Amino acid sequence: MKERLILNFPPECSEKPITYHLIKDYNFKVNILKAEITPGKEGRLLIEIEAEQEDLEQGLRFLKDEGISIYSLSREVIIKKDECIHCGLCTAVCFPGALEVDRNSWKLIFNPEKCIACELCIQACPLRLINVCFVGGLKT
């Protein structure tokens, strides 16, 4: 099972090897997409994880026991397609290949499963037609 999560760390957890334990003890495959962790302060970690269901449940229980808030993350990239001129500038900065221009129609295509929410496309669009909205819900 593959999932994207936001982990909110309380100050007392910012120096603990949390991702190490997820990988070693619970067999998580972890891709860190964005991290804002400062020792002694709260931190946030945007990760994509993959694990078997039983390992996932145990790993999430470990995080909760450590006092870490877990939010499921879904993101929505909003492209004003009716105003897009399909110039392709956003594709030049989209390293994971979530944005591409179809070679037959020359229209912009968005592949959400490849998006890592880096937001580089927002600045690359000359008409400012791209927005990324995050929708997160507390994971119980």
C-alpha atoms as a PDB file:
ATOM      1  CA  MET A   1       0.000   0.000   0.000  1.00  0.00           C
ATOM      2  CA  LYS A   2       1.349   3.420  -1.001  1.00  0.00           C
ATOM      3  CA  GLU A   3       0.344   6.591   0.786  1.00  0.00           C
ATOM      4  CA  ARG A   4       1.402  10.213   1.241  1.00  0.00           C
ATOM      5  CA  LEU A   5       1.442  11.571   4.762  1.00  0.00           C
ATOM      6  CA  ILE A   6       2.292  14.729   6.626  1.00  0.00           C
ATOM      7  CA  LEU A   7       3.935  14.040   9.972  1.00  0.00           C
ATOM      8  CA  ASN A   8       3.876  16.809  12.583  1.00  0.00           C
ATOM      9  CA  PHE A   9       6.622  16.308  15.171  1.00  0.00           C
ATOM     10  CA  PRO A  10       6.445  17.797  18.662  1.00  0.00           C
ATOM     11  CA  PRO A  11       9.707  19.424  19.863  1.00  0.00           C
ATOM     12  CA  GLU A  12      10.773  16.384  21.906  1.00  0.00           C
ATOM     13  CA  CYS A  13      10.754  14.178  18.770  1.00  0.00           C
ATOM     14  CA  SER A  14      12.731  16.414  16.443  1.00  0.00           C
ATOM     15  CA  GLU A  15      16.039  14.703  17.260  1.00  0.00           C
ATOM     16  CA  LYS A  16      14.801  11.095  17.249  1.00  0.00           C
ATOM     17  CA  PRO A  17      15.566   8.770  14.294  1.00  0.00           C
ATOM     18  CA  ILE A  18      11.903   8.274  13.434  1.00  0.00           C
ATOM     19  CA  THR A  19      12.283   7.489   9.716  1.00  0.00           C
ATOM     20  CA  TYR A  20      15.080   5.046  10.555  1.00  0.00           C
ATOM     21  CA  HIS A  21      12.674   3.076  12.758  1.00  0.00           C
ATOM     22  CA  LEU A  22       9.945   3.151  10.112  1.00  0.00           C
ATOM     23  CA  ILE A  23      12.356   1.653   7.595  1.00  0.00           C
ATOM     24  CA  LYS A  24      14.192  -0.823   9.831  1.00  0.00           C
ATOM     25  CA  ASP A  25      11.489  -1.924  12.270  1.00  0.00           C
ATOM     26  CA  TYR A  26       8.356  -1.688  10.110  1.00  0.00           C
ATOM     27  CA  ASN A  27       9.718  -2.342   6.592  1.00  0.00           C
ATOM     28  CA  PHE A  28       8.533   1.004   5.224  1.00  0.00           C
ATOM     29  CA  LYS A  29       9.805   2.252   1.897  1.00  0.00           C
ATOM     30  CA  VAL A  30      10.083   5.981   2.557  1.00  0.00           C
ATOM     31  CA  ASN A  31      10.434   8.818   0.092  1.00  0.00           C
ATOM     32  CA  ILE A  32      10.908  12.162   1.852  1.00  0.00           C
ATOM     33  CA  LEU A  33       9.279  14.798  -0.330  1.00  0.00           C
ATOM     34  CA  LYS A  34       9.651  17.808   1.943  1.00  0.00           C
ATOM     35  CA  ALA A  35      11.046  18.332   5.435  1.00  0.00           C
ATOM     36  CA  GLU A  36      11.006  21.230   7.876  1.00  0.00           C
ATOM     37  CA  ILE A  37      12.583  19.950  11.076  1.00  0.00           C
ATOM     38  CA  THR A  38      14.537  22.111  13.489  1.00  0.00           C
ATOM     39  CA  PRO A  39      16.051  20.527  16.622  1.00  0.00           C
ATOM     40  CA  GLY A  40      14.142  21.560  19.727  1.00  0.00           C
ATOM     41  CA  LYS A  41      11.200  22.872  17.700  1.00  0.00           C
ATOM     42  CA  GLU A  42       8.204  21.370  15.968  1.00  0.00           C
ATOM     43  CA  GLY A  43       8.780  19.810  12.607  1.00  0.00           C
ATOM     44  CA  ARG A  44       6.846  18.727   9.536  1.00  0.00           C
ATOM     45  CA  LEU A  45       7.661  15.950   7.171  1.00  0.00           C
ATOM     46  CA  LEU A  46       5.907  15.206   3.898  1.00  0.00           C
ATOM     47  CA  ILE A  47       6.590  11.590   2.984  1.00  0.00           C
ATOM     48  CA  GLU A  48       5.412   8.974   0.569  1.00  0.00           C
ATOM     49  CA  ILE A  49       5.402   5.537   2.149  1.00  0.00           C
ATOM     50  CA  GLU A  50       4.862   2.032   0.921  1.00  0.00           C
ATOM     51  CA  ALA A  51       4.374  -0.944   3.233  1.00  0.00           C
ATOM     52  CA  GLU A  52       2.383  -4.117   3.697  1.00  0.00           C
ATOM     53  CA  GLN A  53      -0.906  -3.501   5.520  1.00  0.00           C
ATOM     54  CA  GLU A  54       0.200  -5.076   8.823  1.00  0.00           C
ATOM     55  CA  ASP A  55       3.534  -3.211   8.819  1.00  0.00           C
ATOM     56  CA  LEU A  56       1.725   0.007   7.921  1.00  0.00           C
ATOM     57  CA  GLU A  57      -0.660  -0.298  10.853  1.00  0.00           C
ATOM     58  CA  GLN A  58       2.157  -1.074  13.295  1.00  0.00           C
ATOM     59  CA  GLY A  59       4.331   1.740  11.965  1.00  0.00           C
ATOM     60  CA  LEU A  60       1.520   4.274  12.231  1.00  0.00           C
ATOM     61  CA  ARG A  61       0.836   3.089  15.776  1.00  0.00           C
ATOM     62  CA  PHE A  62       4.539   3.646  16.560  1.00  0.00           C
ATOM     63  CA  LEU A  63       4.303   7.220  15.227  1.00  0.00           C
ATOM     64  CA  LYS A  64       1.224   7.962  17.324  1.00  0.00           C
ATOM     65  CA  ASP A  65       2.871   6.475  20.426  1.00  0.00           C
ATOM     66  CA  GLU A  66       5.779   8.867  19.835  1.00  0.00           C
ATOM     67  CA  GLY A  67       3.338  11.802  19.880  1.00  0.00           C
ATOM     68  CA  ILE A  68       3.527  12.473  16.154  1.00  0.00           C
ATOM     69  CA  SER A  69       0.366  13.703  14.433  1.00  0.00           C
ATOM     70  CA  ILE A  70      -0.299  11.947  11.140  1.00  0.00           C
ATOM     71  CA  TYR A  71      -2.295  13.509   8.320  1.00  0.00           C
ATOM     72  CA  SER A  72      -3.301  11.749   5.127  1.00  0.00           C
ATOM     73  CA  LEU A  73      -2.448  13.933   2.208  1.00  0.00           C
ATOM     74  CA  SER A  74      -4.094  14.378  -1.067  1.00  0.00           C
ATOM     75  CA  ARG A  75      -3.206  17.230  -3.291  1.00  0.00           C
ATOM     76  CA  GLU A  76      -4.954  18.769  -6.139  1.00  0.00           C
ATOM     77  CA  VAL A  77      -3.101  20.557  -8.873  1.00  0.00           C
ATOM     78  CA  ILE A  78      -5.400  23.079 -10.420  1.00  0.00           C
ATOM     79  CA  ILE A  79      -4.550  24.187 -13.925  1.00  0.00           C
ATOM     80  CA  LYS A  80      -6.787  26.724 -15.593  1.00  0.00           C
ATOM     81  CA  LYS A  81      -6.881  24.673 -18.789  1.00  0.00           C
ATOM     82  CA  ASP A  82      -9.233  27.042 -20.600  1.00  0.00           C
ATOM     83  CA  GLU A  83      -6.601  29.805 -20.284  1.00  0.00           C
ATOM     84  CA  CYS A  84      -3.492  27.600 -20.773  1.00  0.00           C
ATOM     85  CA  ILE A  85      -1.552  28.262 -23.979  1.00  0.00           C
ATOM     86  CA  HIS A  86       0.248  24.877 -23.687  1.00  0.00           C
ATOM     87  CA  CYS A  87       3.680  26.479 -23.957  1.00  0.00           C
ATOM     88  CA  GLY A  88       5.296  23.664 -21.983  1.00  0.00           C
ATOM     89  CA  LEU A  89       7.427  25.863 -19.711  1.00  0.00           C
ATOM     90  CA  CYS A  90       6.046  24.098 -16.636  1.00  0.00           C
ATOM     91  CA  THR A  91       7.211  20.750 -18.020  1.00  0.00           C
ATOM     92  CA  ALA A  92      10.835  21.959 -18.033  1.00  0.00           C
ATOM     93  CA  VAL A  93      10.895  22.178 -14.223  1.00  0.00           C
ATOM     94  CA  CYS A  94       8.783  19.087 -13.565  1.00  0.00           C
ATOM     95  CA  PHE A  95      11.545  16.572 -12.867  1.00  0.00           C
ATOM     96  CA  PRO A  96       9.258  13.679 -11.894  1.00  0.00           C
ATOM     97  CA  GLY A  97       7.358  14.059 -15.195  1.00  0.00           C
ATOM     98  CA  ALA A  98       3.946  14.858 -13.741  1.00  0.00           C
ATOM     99  CA  LEU A  99       3.487  17.598 -16.341  1.00  0.00           C
ATOM    100  CA  GLU A 100       4.106  16.817 -19.977  1.00  0.00           C
ATOM    101  CA  VAL A 101       2.969  17.939 -23.396  1.00  0.00           C
ATOM    102  CA  ASP A 102       1.189  15.318 -25.479  1.00  0.00           C
ATOM    103  CA  ARG A 103       3.201  14.936 -28.687  1.00  0.00           C
ATOM    104  CA  ASN A 104       0.100  14.379 -30.803  1.00  0.00           C
ATOM    105  CA  SER A 105      -2.259  17.087 -29.558  1.00  0.00           C
ATOM    106  CA  TRP A 106       0.382  19.466 -28.124  1.00  0.00           C
ATOM    107  CA  LYS A 107      -1.812  19.862 -25.040  1.00  0.00           C
ATOM    108  CA  LEU A 108      -0.582  19.911 -21.454  1.00  0.00           C
ATOM    109  CA  ILE A 109      -1.195  16.685 -19.513  1.00  0.00           C
ATOM    110  CA  PHE A 110      -1.006  16.317 -15.741  1.00  0.00           C
ATOM    111  CA  ASN A 111      -0.189  12.896 -14.222  1.00  0.00           C
ATOM    112  CA  PRO A 112      -1.049  13.275 -10.490  1.00  0.00           C
ATOM    113  CA  GLU A 113       0.512   9.931  -9.476  1.00  0.00           C
ATOM    114  CA  LYS A 114       3.947  11.303 -10.466  1.00  0.00           C
ATOM    115  CA  CYS A 115       3.557  14.670  -8.722  1.00  0.00           C
ATOM    116  CA  ILE A 116       5.745  15.227  -5.643  1.00  0.00           C
ATOM    117  CA  ALA A 117       4.162  18.598  -4.846  1.00  0.00           C
ATOM    118  CA  CYS A 118       7.426  20.548  -5.247  1.00  0.00           C
ATOM    119  CA  GLU A 119       5.431  23.509  -6.629  1.00  0.00           C
ATOM    120  CA  LEU A 120       8.127  24.513  -9.141  1.00  0.00           C
ATOM    121  CA  CYS A 121       5.493  24.549 -11.874  1.00  0.00           C
ATOM    122  CA  ILE A 122       3.664  27.405 -10.175  1.00  0.00           C
ATOM    123  CA  GLN A 123       6.567  29.806 -10.716  1.00  0.00           C
ATOM    124  CA  ALA A 124       7.376  28.433 -14.179  1.00  0.00           C
ATOM    125  CA  CYS A 125       3.950  29.180 -15.638  1.00  0.00           C
ATOM    126  CA  PRO A 126       4.208  32.590 -17.346  1.00  0.00           C
ATOM    127  CA  LEU A 127       0.458  33.144 -17.023  1.00  0.00           C
ATOM    128  CA  ARG A 128       0.289  31.937 -13.373  1.00  0.00           C
ATOM    129  CA  LEU A 129      -2.391  29.375 -14.194  1.00  0.00           C
ATOM    130  CA  ILE A 130      -1.203  26.592 -11.873  1.00  0.00           C
ATOM    131  CA  ASN A 131      -2.038  26.224  -8.185  1.00  0.00           C
ATOM    132  CA  VAL A 132      -1.406  23.349  -5.795  1.00  0.00           C
ATOM    133  CA  CYS A 133      -3.935  22.814  -3.035  1.00  0.00           C
ATOM    134  CA  PHE A 134      -3.288  20.349  -0.243  1.00  0.00           C
ATOM    135  CA  VAL A 135      -6.131  18.544   1.436  1.00  0.00           C
ATOM    136  CA  GLY A 136      -5.132  16.738   4.580  1.00  0.00           C
ATOM    137  CA  GLY A 137      -7.129  14.923   7.191  1.00  0.00           C
ATOM    138  CA  LEU A 138      -5.979  13.634  10.567  1.00  0.00           C
ATOM    139  CA  LYS A 139      -5.304   9.921  10.265  1.00  0.00           C
ATOM    140  CA  THR A 140      -6.973   7.913  13.001  1.00  0.00           C
END
